[in-house]
Amino acid sequence: MGIKEAVTQAMRMGGVIYRPQNTDGGKIINAIKPTNSYDCCQALCSDLNGHRGSIRWNPTADDLMAEDWEVTERWEDGD
């Protein structure tokens, strides 16, 4: 699905959005937590060693145009 539909659904259910196999500079972006707060949209990620964390998300044009967004209620290891 497109990002607009994915964000709408995630906000309604308190979930997160993700794209399969999304990476950013050695970090694996597991999910994006969309918010309307000053915290911005948070990228829930892990590095290649499995360390988990949160960074602010700067989408690429490909991210914004992609049609492979998915929604889940929570972020689990391996998502």
Protein backbone atom coordinates (compact mmCIF):
# COMPACT_ATOMS: atom_id res chain seq x y z
CA MET A 1 0.00 0.00 0.00
CA GLY A 2 1.09 3.62 -0.36
CA ILE A 3 2.52 5.58 2.56
CA LYS A 4 -0.58 7.76 3.05
CA GLU A 5 -2.84 4.74 3.47
CA ALA A 6 -0.28 2.98 5.71
CA VAL A 7 0.13 6.01 8.00
CA THR A 8 -3.64 6.50 8.25
CA GLN A 9 -4.11 2.87 9.26
CA ALA A 10 -1.17 2.90 11.71
CA MET A 11 -2.39 6.10 13.40
CA ARG A 12 -5.87 4.62 13.79
CA MET A 13 -4.58 1.42 15.41
CA GLY A 14 -1.56 2.86 17.27
CA GLY A 15 0.78 0.79 15.10
CA VAL A 16 3.88 1.22 12.98
CA ILE A 17 4.60 1.14 9.25
CA TYR A 18 7.45 -0.63 7.50
CA ARG A 19 8.85 -1.60 4.14
CA PRO A 20 10.43 -5.01 3.64
CA GLN A 21 14.25 -4.84 3.47
CA ASN A 22 14.55 -1.11 4.18
CA THR A 23 18.06 0.03 5.17
CA ASP A 24 19.73 3.35 5.90
CA GLY A 25 23.52 3.62 6.19
CA GLY A 26 24.15 0.20 7.77
CA LYS A 27 21.07 0.38 9.98
CA ILE A 28 18.10 -1.83 9.25
CA ILE A 29 14.95 0.24 9.49
CA ASN A 30 12.48 -2.18 11.05
CA ALA A 31 9.54 0.18 11.40
CA ILE A 32 8.43 3.81 11.45
CA LYS A 33 6.26 5.14 14.29
CA PRO A 34 4.21 7.98 12.74
CA THR A 35 3.34 10.82 15.12
CA ASN A 36 1.99 14.36 15.03
CA SER A 37 4.25 15.38 17.91
CA TYR A 38 7.49 17.35 17.94
CA ASP A 39 9.26 13.99 18.36
CA CYS A 40 8.83 13.54 14.59
CA CYS A 41 8.35 10.16 12.97
CA GLN A 42 10.71 7.76 14.68
CA ALA A 43 12.60 5.05 12.85
CA LEU A 44 12.78 1.93 15.00
CA CYS A 45 15.94 0.25 13.82
CA SER A 46 18.69 -2.24 14.53
CA ASP A 47 22.24 -2.36 13.28
CA LEU A 48 23.98 -5.35 11.78
CA ASN A 49 25.00 -6.49 15.30
CA GLY A 50 21.39 -6.56 16.48
CA HIS A 51 21.55 -3.41 18.62
CA ARG A 52 18.15 -1.70 18.67
CA GLY A 53 17.38 1.99 18.88
CA SER A 54 15.39 4.88 17.58
CA ILE A 55 16.40 7.65 15.19
CA ARG A 56 14.51 10.37 13.39
CA TRP A 57 13.48 9.37 9.91
CA ASN A 58 14.43 11.24 6.74
CA PRO A 59 12.55 9.50 3.93
CA THR A 60 13.96 9.14 0.45
CA ALA A 61 11.90 9.93 -2.64
CA ASP A 62 11.69 6.15 -3.21
CA ASP A 63 10.21 5.74 0.31
CA LEU A 64 7.57 8.38 -0.40
CA MET A 65 6.58 6.88 -3.76
CA ALA A 66 6.76 3.19 -2.74
CA GLU A 67 3.67 1.00 -2.82
CA ASP A 68 5.09 -1.77 -0.60
CA TRP A 69 4.36 -0.22 2.81
CA GLU A 70 2.87 -2.54 5.40
CA VAL A 71 1.33 -1.94 8.84
CA THR A 72 1.69 -3.86 12.09
CA GLU A 73 0.45 -3.23 15.61
CA ARG A 74 3.85 -3.52 17.22
CA TRP A 75 7.52 -3.73 16.46
CA GLU A 76 8.95 -7.19 17.10
CA ASP A 77 12.43 -8.61 16.61
CA GLY A 78 12.65 -9.81 13.05
CA ASP A 79 9.96 -7.50 11.63
